[in-house]
Amino acid sequence: MVKWWLIGLGAVFIIGAIIVYQIPLDVTIVGKQYSIIIPEGVALCDSEIEPFDEMPPDAARFCSEFKTIFMGIYVSGLLGTALIIIAAVTSGQRKKDS
């Protein structure tokens, strides 16, 4: 028997991660207001233009907070995928055992 609640929960995690991934974050860096989505934030914080230690304090703080947010979104998507896979595998094993 398929564990539909596990698949549903996994789908909620994945859909939530996708939605949050597309929501722009309003950020003030070096006195300017920006609206940054996740891919732009990744490019900004991972750029090799300035070492992290030499960034202005608000930019360094943004990157630190942003990496925490990004990891939460990433883990949410992985957790959703894992729940769906677990439900599918346990469903397949039960059919095999019958």
N, C-alpha and C. Protein backbone atom coordinates (compact mmCIF):
# COMPACT_ATOMS: atom_id res chain seq x y z
N MET A 1 0.84 -1.19 0.00
CA MET A 1 0.00 0.00 0.00
C MET A 1 0.88 1.24 0.00
N VAL A 2 0.58 2.15 -0.88
CA VAL A 2 1.35 3.38 -0.99
C VAL A 2 1.05 4.29 0.20
N LYS A 3 2.07 4.84 0.77
CA LYS A 3 1.89 5.79 1.89
C LYS A 3 1.67 7.18 1.30
N TRP A 4 0.41 7.46 0.98
CA TRP A 4 0.07 8.73 0.31
C TRP A 4 0.40 9.93 1.16
N TRP A 5 0.30 9.80 2.48
CA TRP A 5 0.61 10.94 3.33
C TRP A 5 2.09 11.30 3.24
N LEU A 6 2.94 10.31 3.08
CA LEU A 6 4.37 10.58 2.92
C LEU A 6 4.65 11.28 1.59
N ILE A 7 3.98 10.81 0.54
CA ILE A 7 4.16 11.43 -0.77
C ILE A 7 3.62 12.86 -0.74
N GLY A 8 2.48 13.06 -0.09
CA GLY A 8 1.91 14.40 0.03
C GLY A 8 2.81 15.34 0.81
N LEU A 9 3.36 14.85 1.92
CA LEU A 9 4.27 15.66 2.72
C LEU A 9 5.53 16.00 1.93
N GLY A 10 6.05 15.01 1.21
CA GLY A 10 7.23 15.27 0.38
C GLY A 10 6.94 16.30 -0.69
N ALA A 11 5.76 16.21 -1.31
CA ALA A 11 5.38 17.18 -2.34
C ALA A 11 5.26 18.57 -1.76
N VAL A 12 4.72 18.68 -0.54
CA VAL A 12 4.61 20.00 0.11
C VAL A 12 5.99 20.61 0.33
N PHE A 13 6.95 19.79 0.79
CA PHE A 13 8.32 20.29 0.99
C PHE A 13 8.94 20.76 -0.33
N ILE A 14 8.77 19.97 -1.37
CA ILE A 14 9.36 20.33 -2.67
C ILE A 14 8.71 21.59 -3.24
N ILE A 15 7.39 21.65 -3.20
CA ILE A 15 6.68 22.82 -3.74
C ILE A 15 7.04 24.06 -2.92
N GLY A 16 7.11 23.91 -1.60
CA GLY A 16 7.50 25.04 -0.75
C GLY A 16 8.90 25.54 -1.09
N ALA A 17 9.83 24.62 -1.31
CA ALA A 17 11.20 25.02 -1.67
C ALA A 17 11.22 25.74 -3.01
N ILE A 18 10.44 25.26 -3.98
CA ILE A 18 10.41 25.90 -5.30
C ILE A 18 9.83 27.31 -5.20
N ILE A 19 8.75 27.46 -4.44
CA ILE A 19 8.13 28.78 -4.29
C ILE A 19 9.07 29.76 -3.60
N VAL A 20 9.66 29.34 -2.49
CA VAL A 20 10.56 30.23 -1.75
C VAL A 20 11.80 30.56 -2.59
N TYR A 21 12.23 29.63 -3.42
CA TYR A 21 13.39 29.85 -4.29
C TYR A 21 13.15 31.02 -5.24
N GLN A 22 11.89 31.26 -5.61
CA GLN A 22 11.56 32.31 -6.57
C GLN A 22 11.17 33.65 -5.93
N ILE A 23 10.99 33.69 -4.61
CA ILE A 23 10.58 34.93 -3.94
C ILE A 23 11.79 35.84 -3.77
N PRO A 24 11.70 37.08 -4.26
CA PRO A 24 12.84 38.00 -4.09
C PRO A 24 12.97 38.48 -2.64
N LEU A 25 14.19 38.60 -2.19
CA LEU A 25 14.49 39.12 -0.86
C LEU A 25 14.88 40.59 -1.00
N ASP A 26 14.28 41.46 -0.20
CA ASP A 26 14.65 42.87 -0.21
C ASP A 26 15.82 43.07 0.73
N VAL A 27 16.91 43.61 0.19
CA VAL A 27 18.16 43.71 0.93
C VAL A 27 18.76 45.09 0.72
N THR A 28 19.39 45.62 1.76
CA THR A 28 20.14 46.86 1.65
C THR A 28 21.63 46.52 1.76
N ILE A 29 22.36 46.78 0.68
CA ILE A 29 23.80 46.53 0.67
C ILE A 29 24.49 47.82 0.29
N VAL A 30 25.39 48.26 1.14
CA VAL A 30 26.17 49.47 0.95
C VAL A 30 25.23 50.65 0.65
N GLY A 31 24.15 50.76 1.42
CA GLY A 31 23.23 51.88 1.30
C GLY A 31 22.26 51.83 0.14
N LYS A 32 22.29 50.80 -0.67
CA LYS A 32 21.37 50.67 -1.81
C LYS A 32 20.41 49.52 -1.56
N GLN A 33 19.16 49.72 -1.96
CA GLN A 33 18.13 48.69 -1.81
C GLN A 33 18.12 47.79 -3.04
N TYR A 34 18.15 46.48 -2.81
CA TYR A 34 18.11 45.50 -3.90
C TYR A 34 17.00 44.50 -3.63
N SER A 35 16.48 43.94 -4.69
CA SER A 35 15.54 42.83 -4.60
C SER A 35 16.23 41.65 -5.29
N ILE A 36 16.65 40.67 -4.49
CA ILE A 36 17.51 39.60 -4.99
C ILE A 36 16.79 38.26 -4.85
N ILE A 37 16.77 37.47 -5.94
CA ILE A 37 16.25 36.11 -5.85
C ILE A 37 17.43 35.18 -5.57
N ILE A 38 17.12 33.96 -5.19
CA ILE A 38 18.14 33.00 -4.75
C ILE A 38 19.31 32.85 -5.73
N PRO A 39 19.06 32.63 -7.04
CA PRO A 39 20.22 32.47 -7.94
C PRO A 39 21.13 33.70 -7.98
N GLU A 40 20.54 34.89 -7.90
CA GLU A 40 21.36 36.11 -7.89
C GLU A 40 22.16 36.21 -6.59
N GLY A 41 21.55 35.82 -5.48
CA GLY A 41 22.24 35.85 -4.20
C GLY A 41 23.41 34.87 -4.16
N VAL A 42 23.20 33.70 -4.75
CA VAL A 42 24.28 32.71 -4.82
C VAL A 42 25.44 33.28 -5.62
N ALA A 43 25.14 33.89 -6.77
CA ALA A 43 26.19 34.46 -7.61
C ALA A 43 26.92 35.59 -6.87
N LEU A 44 26.17 36.42 -6.16
CA LEU A 44 26.78 37.54 -5.43
C LEU A 44 27.69 37.04 -4.31
N CYS A 45 27.20 36.14 -3.52
CA CYS A 45 27.96 35.68 -2.35
C CYS A 45 29.10 34.74 -2.71
N ASP A 46 29.00 34.05 -3.83
CA ASP A 46 30.06 33.14 -4.24
C ASP A 46 31.05 33.77 -5.20
N SER A 47 30.83 35.04 -5.53
CA SER A 47 31.74 35.68 -6.48
C SER A 47 33.11 35.84 -5.85
N GLU A 48 34.10 35.76 -6.68
CA GLU A 48 35.48 35.86 -6.22
C GLU A 48 36.00 37.29 -6.34
N ILE A 49 35.10 38.24 -6.61
CA ILE A 49 35.53 39.62 -6.82
C ILE A 49 36.16 40.19 -5.54
N GLU A 50 35.45 40.01 -4.41
CA GLU A 50 35.97 40.50 -3.14
C GLU A 50 36.04 39.34 -2.16
N PRO A 51 37.11 39.24 -1.42
CA PRO A 51 37.12 38.23 -0.36
C PRO A 51 36.03 38.56 0.66
N PHE A 52 35.44 37.53 1.25
CA PHE A 52 34.35 37.71 2.20
C PHE A 52 34.74 38.64 3.34
N ASP A 53 35.97 38.55 3.80
CA ASP A 53 36.41 39.38 4.93
C ASP A 53 36.50 40.85 4.58
N GLU A 54 36.66 41.18 3.30
CA GLU A 54 36.83 42.58 2.90
C GLU A 54 35.53 43.21 2.41
N MET A 55 34.42 42.47 2.43
CA MET A 55 33.14 43.02 2.02
C MET A 55 32.67 44.05 3.04
N PRO A 56 31.86 45.01 2.62
CA PRO A 56 31.25 45.92 3.60
C PRO A 56 30.44 45.11 4.61
N PRO A 57 30.33 45.61 5.84
CA PRO A 57 29.67 44.83 6.89
C PRO A 57 28.25 44.37 6.52
N ASP A 58 27.45 45.24 5.89
CA ASP A 58 26.08 44.82 5.58
C ASP A 58 26.06 43.77 4.46
N ALA A 59 27.02 43.81 3.55
CA ALA A 59 27.09 42.80 2.49
C ALA A 59 27.53 41.46 3.08
N ALA A 60 28.49 41.50 4.00
CA ALA A 60 28.96 40.27 4.64
C ALA A 60 27.84 39.66 5.49
N ARG A 61 27.09 40.51 6.18
CA ARG A 61 25.96 40.02 6.98
C ARG A 61 24.90 39.40 6.09
N PHE A 62 24.61 40.05 4.95
CA PHE A 62 23.64 39.50 4.01
C PHE A 62 24.07 38.12 3.54
N CYS A 63 25.32 37.98 3.15
CA CYS A 63 25.80 36.68 2.64
C CYS A 63 25.73 35.60 3.72
N SER A 64 26.03 35.97 4.95
CA SER A 64 25.96 35.01 6.04
C SER A 64 24.52 34.56 6.25
N GLU A 65 23.58 35.51 6.31
CA GLU A 65 22.16 35.18 6.48
C GLU A 65 21.63 34.45 5.25
N PHE A 66 22.06 34.88 4.08
CA PHE A 66 21.58 34.30 2.84
C PHE A 66 21.97 32.84 2.74
N LYS A 67 23.20 32.50 3.12
CA LYS A 67 23.64 31.11 3.05
C LYS A 67 22.80 30.23 3.98
N THR A 68 22.38 30.77 5.13
CA THR A 68 21.52 30.02 6.04
C THR A 68 20.16 29.79 5.41
N ILE A 69 19.59 30.82 4.79
CA ILE A 69 18.29 30.70 4.11
C ILE A 69 18.40 29.70 2.97
N PHE A 70 19.44 29.82 2.17
CA PHE A 70 19.62 28.94 1.02
C PHE A 70 19.74 27.49 1.47
N MET A 71 20.48 27.24 2.53
CA MET A 71 20.63 25.86 3.02
C MET A 71 19.29 25.31 3.50
N GLY A 72 18.47 26.16 4.13
CA GLY A 72 17.14 25.72 4.55
C GLY A 72 16.27 25.32 3.38
N ILE A 73 16.32 26.10 2.32
CA ILE A 73 15.54 25.80 1.11
C ILE A 73 16.06 24.51 0.47
N TYR A 74 17.35 24.39 0.37
CA TYR A 74 17.98 23.21 -0.23
C TYR A 74 17.62 21.94 0.55
N VAL A 75 17.72 22.01 1.88
CA VAL A 75 17.41 20.85 2.72
C VAL A 75 15.92 20.51 2.62
N SER A 76 15.06 21.52 2.53
CA SER A 76 13.63 21.27 2.38
C SER A 76 13.34 20.50 1.10
N GLY A 77 13.96 20.89 0.00
CA GLY A 77 13.79 20.16 -1.27
C GLY A 77 14.31 18.74 -1.19
N LEU A 78 15.47 18.57 -0.55
CA LEU A 78 16.03 17.22 -0.39
C LEU A 78 15.16 16.34 0.50
N LEU A 79 14.64 16.92 1.57
CA LEU A 79 13.78 16.17 2.47
C LEU A 79 12.51 15.73 1.75
N GLY A 80 11.92 16.63 0.97
CA GLY A 80 10.73 16.27 0.20
C GLY A 80 11.00 15.13 -0.76
N THR A 81 12.11 15.22 -1.46
CA THR A 81 12.49 14.16 -2.40
C THR A 81 12.72 12.84 -1.67
N ALA A 82 13.40 12.89 -0.54
CA ALA A 82 13.67 11.68 0.24
C ALA A 82 12.37 11.04 0.72
N LEU A 83 11.40 11.84 1.17
CA LEU A 83 10.13 11.29 1.64
C LEU A 83 9.39 10.57 0.52
N ILE A 84 9.40 11.17 -0.67
CA ILE A 84 8.72 10.54 -1.80
C ILE A 84 9.42 9.23 -2.18
N ILE A 85 10.74 9.23 -2.19
CA ILE A 85 11.49 8.01 -2.52
C ILE A 85 11.24 6.92 -1.47
N ILE A 86 11.24 7.30 -0.19
CA ILE A 86 10.99 6.32 0.88
C ILE A 86 9.60 5.71 0.72
N ALA A 87 8.60 6.55 0.43
CA ALA A 87 7.24 6.03 0.25
C ALA A 87 7.18 5.06 -0.93
N ALA A 88 7.86 5.41 -2.02
CA ALA A 88 7.84 4.54 -3.20
C ALA A 88 8.56 3.23 -2.94
N VAL A 89 9.70 3.29 -2.26
CA VAL A 89 10.47 2.07 -1.99
C VAL A 89 9.74 1.16 -1.03
N THR A 90 9.19 1.72 0.05
CA THR A 90 8.48 0.88 1.01
C THR A 90 7.21 0.30 0.38
N SER A 91 6.58 1.04 -0.49
CA SER A 91 5.40 0.54 -1.22
C SER A 91 5.79 -0.63 -2.11
N GLY A 92 6.90 -0.52 -2.83
CA GLY A 92 7.38 -1.58 -3.71
C GLY A 92 7.79 -2.82 -2.94
N GLN A 93 8.40 -2.63 -1.77
CA GLN A 93 8.81 -3.78 -0.95
C GLN A 93 7.61 -4.54 -0.42
N ARG A 94 6.55 -3.86 -0.06
CA ARG A 94 5.37 -4.52 0.47
C ARG A 94 4.70 -5.36 -0.62
N LYS A 95 4.66 -4.82 -1.86
CA LYS A 95 4.07 -5.55 -2.96
C LYS A 95 4.90 -6.81 -3.26
N LYS A 96 6.21 -6.67 -3.13
CA LYS A 96 7.12 -7.78 -3.41
C LYS A 96 6.97 -8.89 -2.36
N ASP A 97 6.77 -8.48 -1.09
CA ASP A 97 6.64 -9.44 0.00
C ASP A 97 5.32 -10.20 -0.05
N SER A 98 4.30 -9.63 -0.67
CA SER A 98 2.96 -10.27 -0.69
C SER A 98 2.89 -11.47 -1.58
